[in-house]
Amino acid sequence: MRRLVLSVLICVLALTICDVTWTSAAQALPQGREVPPDPAVEAMRKHAEKERNEQRQSDLKRDTDELYKLASELKKSVDSSNEHVLSVEVIRKAEAIEKLAKSVRTKMKADGYGSTIRSE
């Protein structure tokens, strides 16, 4: 029993000493110093951001072309119908337009894309 108590006390003492050592070592490190950014990493980050923006722009162009096509088809369908008939095709086109418009809006609000927009 004495050995167990003695072992526990030694462990507690050792842990306390280690904690003090680690705490003082951590406090000895310089605070507030930032490592200067690596120019190669910064160039790669900018290149990746540019590629993402170009891809997003391409996707937006493709989606808005599709949106225009669907809206034109919807207008033709509505013009050819009368006030008593609403076809399922018209409803499906309207839903597709809504979904595509939401996708376009989401892409326009995406992180990083707005950072290149200048506000005056």
N, C-alpha and C. Protein backbone atom coordinates (compact mmCIF):
# COMPACT_ATOMS: atom_id res chain seq x y z
N MET A 1 0.82 -1.18 0.00
CA MET A 1 0.00 0.00 0.00
C MET A 1 0.87 1.25 0.00
N ARG A 2 1.96 1.20 0.79
CA ARG A 2 2.86 2.34 0.82
C ARG A 2 3.50 2.56 -0.55
N ARG A 3 3.85 1.47 -1.19
CA ARG A 3 4.46 1.59 -2.52
C ARG A 3 3.51 2.26 -3.51
N LEU A 4 2.25 1.92 -3.44
CA LEU A 4 1.25 2.49 -4.34
C LEU A 4 1.11 3.99 -4.09
N VAL A 5 0.99 4.39 -2.85
CA VAL A 5 0.87 5.80 -2.50
C VAL A 5 2.12 6.55 -2.93
N LEU A 6 3.28 5.96 -2.66
CA LEU A 6 4.54 6.59 -3.04
C LEU A 6 4.64 6.72 -4.56
N SER A 7 4.23 5.71 -5.28
CA SER A 7 4.25 5.75 -6.76
C SER A 7 3.34 6.85 -7.29
N VAL A 8 2.16 6.95 -6.71
CA VAL A 8 1.21 7.98 -7.14
C VAL A 8 1.78 9.37 -6.86
N LEU A 9 2.35 9.57 -5.71
CA LEU A 9 2.94 10.86 -5.38
C LEU A 9 4.08 11.22 -6.31
N ILE A 10 4.91 10.25 -6.64
CA ILE A 10 6.02 10.50 -7.57
C ILE A 10 5.48 10.87 -8.95
N CYS A 11 4.44 10.18 -9.40
CA CYS A 11 3.84 10.50 -10.70
C CYS A 11 3.24 11.90 -10.71
N VAL A 12 2.54 12.26 -9.65
CA VAL A 12 1.94 13.60 -9.56
C VAL A 12 3.02 14.66 -9.56
N LEU A 13 4.09 14.41 -8.79
CA LEU A 13 5.20 15.35 -8.74
C LEU A 13 5.86 15.49 -10.12
N ALA A 14 6.07 14.38 -10.79
CA ALA A 14 6.69 14.41 -12.12
C ALA A 14 5.81 15.16 -13.11
N LEU A 15 4.50 14.91 -13.07
CA LEU A 15 3.59 15.61 -13.98
C LEU A 15 3.56 17.10 -13.69
N THR A 16 3.60 17.47 -12.44
CA THR A 16 3.62 18.89 -12.08
C THR A 16 4.88 19.57 -12.60
N ILE A 17 6.01 18.91 -12.45
CA ILE A 17 7.28 19.47 -12.94
C ILE A 17 7.25 19.59 -14.46
N CYS A 18 6.73 18.56 -15.14
CA CYS A 18 6.65 18.61 -16.60
C CYS A 18 5.73 19.73 -17.06
N ASP A 19 4.60 19.90 -16.38
CA ASP A 19 3.65 20.94 -16.74
C ASP A 19 4.28 22.32 -16.60
N VAL A 20 5.00 22.54 -15.53
CA VAL A 20 5.68 23.82 -15.31
C VAL A 20 6.73 24.04 -16.40
N THR A 21 7.46 22.99 -16.74
CA THR A 21 8.49 23.09 -17.78
C THR A 21 7.87 23.43 -19.13
N TRP A 22 6.78 22.74 -19.48
CA TRP A 22 6.12 23.00 -20.75
C TRP A 22 5.52 24.39 -20.79
N THR A 23 4.93 24.81 -19.69
CA THR A 23 4.31 26.14 -19.64
C THR A 23 5.36 27.23 -19.79
N SER A 24 6.48 27.10 -19.09
CA SER A 24 7.52 28.11 -19.21
C SER A 24 8.17 28.09 -20.58
N ALA A 25 8.28 26.91 -21.19
CA ALA A 25 8.84 26.82 -22.54
C ALA A 25 7.90 27.48 -23.55
N ALA A 26 6.60 27.29 -23.37
CA ALA A 26 5.63 27.90 -24.28
C ALA A 26 5.63 29.42 -24.13
N GLN A 27 5.81 29.91 -22.90
CA GLN A 27 5.84 31.35 -22.68
C GLN A 27 7.12 31.97 -23.22
N ALA A 28 8.18 31.17 -23.34
CA ALA A 28 9.45 31.69 -23.83
C ALA A 28 9.42 31.92 -25.34
N LEU A 29 8.48 31.26 -26.05
CA LEU A 29 8.38 31.44 -27.50
C LEU A 29 7.89 32.86 -27.80
N PRO A 30 8.39 33.46 -28.85
CA PRO A 30 7.96 34.82 -29.19
C PRO A 30 6.49 34.83 -29.58
N GLN A 31 5.74 35.75 -29.03
CA GLN A 31 4.32 35.87 -29.31
C GLN A 31 4.10 36.97 -30.34
N GLY A 32 3.10 36.77 -31.19
CA GLY A 32 2.74 37.79 -32.15
C GLY A 32 3.60 37.83 -33.39
N ARG A 33 4.60 37.00 -33.48
CA ARG A 33 5.43 36.95 -34.67
C ARG A 33 4.82 36.01 -35.68
N GLU A 34 4.65 36.51 -36.87
CA GLU A 34 4.11 35.67 -37.94
C GLU A 34 5.22 35.33 -38.91
N VAL A 35 5.14 34.14 -39.44
CA VAL A 35 6.10 33.72 -40.44
C VAL A 35 5.76 34.43 -41.74
N PRO A 36 6.73 35.05 -42.39
CA PRO A 36 6.42 35.75 -43.65
C PRO A 36 5.94 34.75 -44.70
N PRO A 37 4.95 35.13 -45.51
CA PRO A 37 4.42 34.21 -46.51
C PRO A 37 5.47 33.87 -47.56
N ASP A 38 5.46 32.64 -47.97
CA ASP A 38 6.36 32.17 -49.00
C ASP A 38 5.87 32.71 -50.35
N PRO A 39 6.70 33.38 -51.13
CA PRO A 39 6.25 33.95 -52.41
C PRO A 39 5.71 32.89 -53.37
N ALA A 40 6.30 31.71 -53.36
CA ALA A 40 5.83 30.65 -54.26
C ALA A 40 4.43 30.18 -53.86
N VAL A 41 4.20 30.05 -52.56
CA VAL A 41 2.88 29.63 -52.08
C VAL A 41 1.85 30.72 -52.39
N GLU A 42 2.24 31.95 -52.19
CA GLU A 42 1.34 33.07 -52.48
C GLU A 42 0.99 33.12 -53.97
N ALA A 43 1.96 32.89 -54.83
CA ALA A 43 1.72 32.88 -56.28
C ALA A 43 0.79 31.73 -56.66
N MET A 44 0.99 30.57 -56.04
CA MET A 44 0.13 29.42 -56.32
C MET A 44 -1.29 29.70 -55.85
N ARG A 45 -1.44 30.35 -54.69
CA ARG A 45 -2.77 30.67 -54.18
C ARG A 45 -3.50 31.63 -55.12
N LYS A 46 -2.78 32.65 -55.60
CA LYS A 46 -3.39 33.62 -56.53
C LYS A 46 -3.76 32.96 -57.85
N HIS A 47 -2.88 32.07 -58.33
CA HIS A 47 -3.16 31.36 -59.58
C HIS A 47 -4.39 30.47 -59.43
N ALA A 48 -4.50 29.77 -58.31
CA ALA A 48 -5.65 28.90 -58.07
C ALA A 48 -6.93 29.73 -57.96
N GLU A 49 -6.84 30.89 -57.30
CA GLU A 49 -8.02 31.76 -57.19
C GLU A 49 -8.45 32.26 -58.56
N LYS A 50 -7.47 32.61 -59.39
CA LYS A 50 -7.78 33.08 -60.75
C LYS A 50 -8.45 31.97 -61.56
N GLU A 51 -7.93 30.74 -61.45
CA GLU A 51 -8.54 29.62 -62.17
C GLU A 51 -9.96 29.35 -61.68
N ARG A 52 -10.17 29.42 -60.36
CA ARG A 52 -11.53 29.22 -59.82
C ARG A 52 -12.48 30.28 -60.36
N ASN A 53 -12.03 31.52 -60.40
CA ASN A 53 -12.87 32.60 -60.91
C ASN A 53 -13.17 32.43 -62.39
N GLU A 54 -12.18 32.00 -63.16
CA GLU A 54 -12.41 31.76 -64.59
C GLU A 54 -13.39 30.62 -64.81
N GLN A 55 -13.26 29.55 -64.02
CA GLN A 55 -14.18 28.42 -64.12
C GLN A 55 -15.59 28.84 -63.72
N ARG A 56 -15.68 29.63 -62.64
CA ARG A 56 -16.99 30.12 -62.19
C ARG A 56 -17.62 31.00 -63.26
N GLN A 57 -16.83 31.85 -63.90
CA GLN A 57 -17.36 32.71 -64.97
C GLN A 57 -17.85 31.88 -66.14
N SER A 58 -17.09 30.85 -66.49
CA SER A 58 -17.50 29.95 -67.57
C SER A 58 -18.81 29.24 -67.22
N ASP A 59 -18.91 28.77 -65.99
CA ASP A 59 -20.14 28.10 -65.54
C ASP A 59 -21.32 29.07 -65.55
N LEU A 60 -21.08 30.31 -65.13
CA LEU A 60 -22.15 31.31 -65.13
C LEU A 60 -22.63 31.60 -66.55
N LYS A 61 -21.71 31.70 -67.48
CA LYS A 61 -22.08 31.95 -68.88
C LYS A 61 -22.92 30.80 -69.43
N ARG A 62 -22.46 29.58 -69.16
CA ARG A 62 -23.19 28.39 -69.64
C ARG A 62 -24.59 28.34 -69.01
N ASP A 63 -24.66 28.59 -67.70
CA ASP A 63 -25.95 28.53 -67.01
C ASP A 63 -26.90 29.63 -67.45
N THR A 64 -26.38 30.84 -67.67
CA THR A 64 -27.27 31.92 -68.11
C THR A 64 -27.74 31.69 -69.55
N ASP A 65 -26.91 31.08 -70.40
CA ASP A 65 -27.36 30.72 -71.74
C ASP A 65 -28.51 29.71 -71.66
N GLU A 66 -28.36 28.72 -70.78
CA GLU A 66 -29.40 27.72 -70.58
C GLU A 66 -30.66 28.37 -69.99
N LEU A 67 -30.45 29.30 -69.09
CA LEU A 67 -31.57 30.01 -68.47
C LEU A 67 -32.34 30.81 -69.52
N TYR A 68 -31.63 31.46 -70.40
CA TYR A 68 -32.26 32.23 -71.48
C TYR A 68 -33.06 31.31 -72.39
N LYS A 69 -32.48 30.16 -72.73
CA LYS A 69 -33.15 29.19 -73.61
C LYS A 69 -34.43 28.69 -72.96
N LEU A 70 -34.36 28.32 -71.67
CA LEU A 70 -35.54 27.83 -70.97
C LEU A 70 -36.62 28.92 -70.85
N ALA A 71 -36.19 30.14 -70.57
CA ALA A 71 -37.16 31.24 -70.45
C ALA A 71 -37.85 31.51 -71.79
N SER A 72 -37.10 31.41 -72.89
CA SER A 72 -37.70 31.59 -74.21
C SER A 72 -38.72 30.49 -74.51
N GLU A 73 -38.35 29.26 -74.16
CA GLU A 73 -39.27 28.13 -74.37
C GLU A 73 -40.52 28.29 -73.51
N LEU A 74 -40.34 28.75 -72.29
CA LEU A 74 -41.48 28.96 -71.40
C LEU A 74 -42.42 30.02 -71.95
N LYS A 75 -41.83 31.11 -72.47
CA LYS A 75 -42.66 32.17 -73.04
C LYS A 75 -43.47 31.66 -74.23
N LYS A 76 -42.82 30.87 -75.10
CA LYS A 76 -43.53 30.30 -76.25
C LYS A 76 -44.67 29.39 -75.79
N SER A 77 -44.40 28.58 -74.77
CA SER A 77 -45.43 27.66 -74.27
C SER A 77 -46.59 28.42 -73.66
N VAL A 78 -46.30 29.46 -72.90
CA VAL A 78 -47.36 30.25 -72.28
C VAL A 78 -48.14 31.02 -73.34
N ASP A 79 -47.45 31.56 -74.34
CA ASP A 79 -48.14 32.30 -75.41
C ASP A 79 -49.07 31.38 -76.21
N SER A 80 -48.71 30.13 -76.36
CA SER A 80 -49.53 29.22 -77.16
C SER A 80 -50.67 28.60 -76.35
N SER A 81 -50.67 28.77 -75.03
CA SER A 81 -51.76 28.21 -74.22
C SER A 81 -52.82 29.26 -73.99
N ASN A 82 -53.95 28.82 -73.41
CA ASN A 82 -55.00 29.79 -73.07
C ASN A 82 -55.16 29.86 -71.56
N GLU A 83 -56.09 30.71 -71.09
CA GLU A 83 -56.21 30.93 -69.66
C GLU A 83 -56.79 29.73 -68.90
N HIS A 84 -57.34 28.75 -69.60
CA HIS A 84 -57.95 27.60 -68.95
C HIS A 84 -57.04 26.39 -68.90
N VAL A 85 -55.94 26.43 -69.64
CA VAL A 85 -55.06 25.26 -69.73
C VAL A 85 -53.66 25.63 -69.26
N LEU A 86 -53.17 24.87 -68.31
CA LEU A 86 -51.81 25.04 -67.83
C LEU A 86 -51.15 23.67 -67.91
N SER A 87 -50.23 23.51 -68.82
CA SER A 87 -49.65 22.19 -69.04
C SER A 87 -48.58 21.87 -67.99
N VAL A 88 -48.35 20.59 -67.81
CA VAL A 88 -47.32 20.12 -66.88
C VAL A 88 -45.95 20.54 -67.40
N GLU A 89 -45.80 20.59 -68.70
CA GLU A 89 -44.52 21.00 -69.30
C GLU A 89 -44.16 22.43 -68.89
N VAL A 90 -45.13 23.31 -68.84
CA VAL A 90 -44.89 24.71 -68.45
C VAL A 90 -44.42 24.76 -66.99
N ILE A 91 -45.06 23.98 -66.15
CA ILE A 91 -44.68 23.95 -64.73
C ILE A 91 -43.26 23.40 -64.57
N ARG A 92 -42.94 22.36 -65.30
CA ARG A 92 -41.58 21.78 -65.22
C ARG A 92 -40.53 22.77 -65.70
N LYS A 93 -40.83 23.49 -66.77
CA LYS A 93 -39.87 24.49 -67.26
C LYS A 93 -39.69 25.61 -66.24
N ALA A 94 -40.77 26.03 -65.62
CA ALA A 94 -40.68 27.09 -64.61
C ALA A 94 -39.85 26.61 -63.42
N GLU A 95 -40.03 25.36 -63.02
CA GLU A 95 -39.23 24.82 -61.91
C GLU A 95 -37.75 24.72 -62.29
N ALA A 96 -37.48 24.31 -63.54
CA ALA A 96 -36.09 24.22 -64.00
C ALA A 96 -35.44 25.61 -64.02
N ILE A 97 -36.21 26.59 -64.45
CA ILE A 97 -35.71 27.98 -64.47
C ILE A 97 -35.40 28.44 -63.06
N GLU A 98 -36.30 28.16 -62.14
CA GLU A 98 -36.10 28.57 -60.75
C GLU A 98 -34.84 27.92 -60.16
N LYS A 99 -34.67 26.64 -60.42
CA LYS A 99 -33.49 25.92 -59.90
C LYS A 99 -32.20 26.47 -60.50
N LEU A 100 -32.21 26.71 -61.80
CA LEU A 100 -31.02 27.23 -62.48
C LEU A 100 -30.72 28.66 -62.03
N ALA A 101 -31.75 29.47 -61.83
CA ALA A 101 -31.55 30.84 -61.36
C ALA A 101 -30.94 30.85 -59.96
N LYS A 102 -31.39 29.94 -59.12
CA LYS A 102 -30.82 29.85 -57.77
C LYS A 102 -29.35 29.44 -57.84
N SER A 103 -29.03 28.51 -58.74
CA SER A 103 -27.65 28.08 -58.92
C SER A 103 -26.77 29.24 -59.38
N VAL A 104 -27.27 30.03 -60.31
CA VAL A 104 -26.52 31.19 -60.81
C VAL A 104 -26.30 32.19 -59.67
N ARG A 105 -27.33 32.46 -58.90
CA ARG A 105 -27.20 33.40 -57.79
C ARG A 105 -26.19 32.90 -56.76
N THR A 106 -26.21 31.61 -56.46
CA THR A 106 -25.27 31.03 -55.50
C THR A 106 -23.84 31.15 -56.01
N LYS A 107 -23.62 30.89 -57.28
CA LYS A 107 -22.28 31.00 -57.86
C LYS A 107 -21.79 32.44 -57.83
N MET A 108 -22.69 33.37 -58.03
CA MET A 108 -22.31 34.78 -58.01
C MET A 108 -21.93 35.25 -56.61
N LYS A 109 -22.50 34.63 -55.59
CA LYS A 109 -22.21 35.00 -54.22
C LYS A 109 -21.07 34.20 -53.62
N ALA A 110 -20.49 33.28 -54.36
CA ALA A 110 -19.48 32.36 -53.82
C ALA A 110 -18.28 33.11 -53.26
N ASP A 111 -17.67 32.53 -52.22
CA ASP A 111 -16.48 33.10 -51.59
C ASP A 111 -15.36 33.26 -52.60
N GLY A 112 -14.68 34.35 -52.50
CA GLY A 112 -13.53 34.58 -53.37
C GLY A 112 -13.89 35.30 -54.65
N TYR A 113 -15.10 35.08 -55.15
CA TYR A 113 -15.49 35.70 -56.41
C TYR A 113 -15.71 37.18 -56.22
N GLY A 114 -16.31 37.54 -55.11
CA GLY A 114 -16.59 38.95 -54.84
C GLY A 114 -15.35 39.75 -54.50
N SER A 115 -14.24 39.08 -54.18
CA SER A 115 -13.04 39.81 -53.79
C SER A 115 -12.44 40.57 -54.97
N THR A 116 -12.80 40.18 -56.20
CA THR A 116 -12.27 40.87 -57.36
C THR A 116 -13.20 41.98 -57.85
N ILE A 117 -14.36 42.08 -57.24
CA ILE A 117 -15.33 43.11 -57.64
C ILE A 117 -14.98 44.40 -56.93
N ARG A 118 -14.90 45.47 -57.68
CA ARG A 118 -14.58 46.77 -57.10
C ARG A 118 -15.88 47.52 -56.87
N SER A 119 -16.03 48.04 -55.67
CA SER A 119 -17.22 48.86 -55.40
C SER A 119 -16.79 50.33 -55.42
N GLU A 120 -17.63 51.15 -56.00
CA GLU A 120 -17.29 52.56 -56.13
C GLU A 120 -18.19 53.39 -55.28
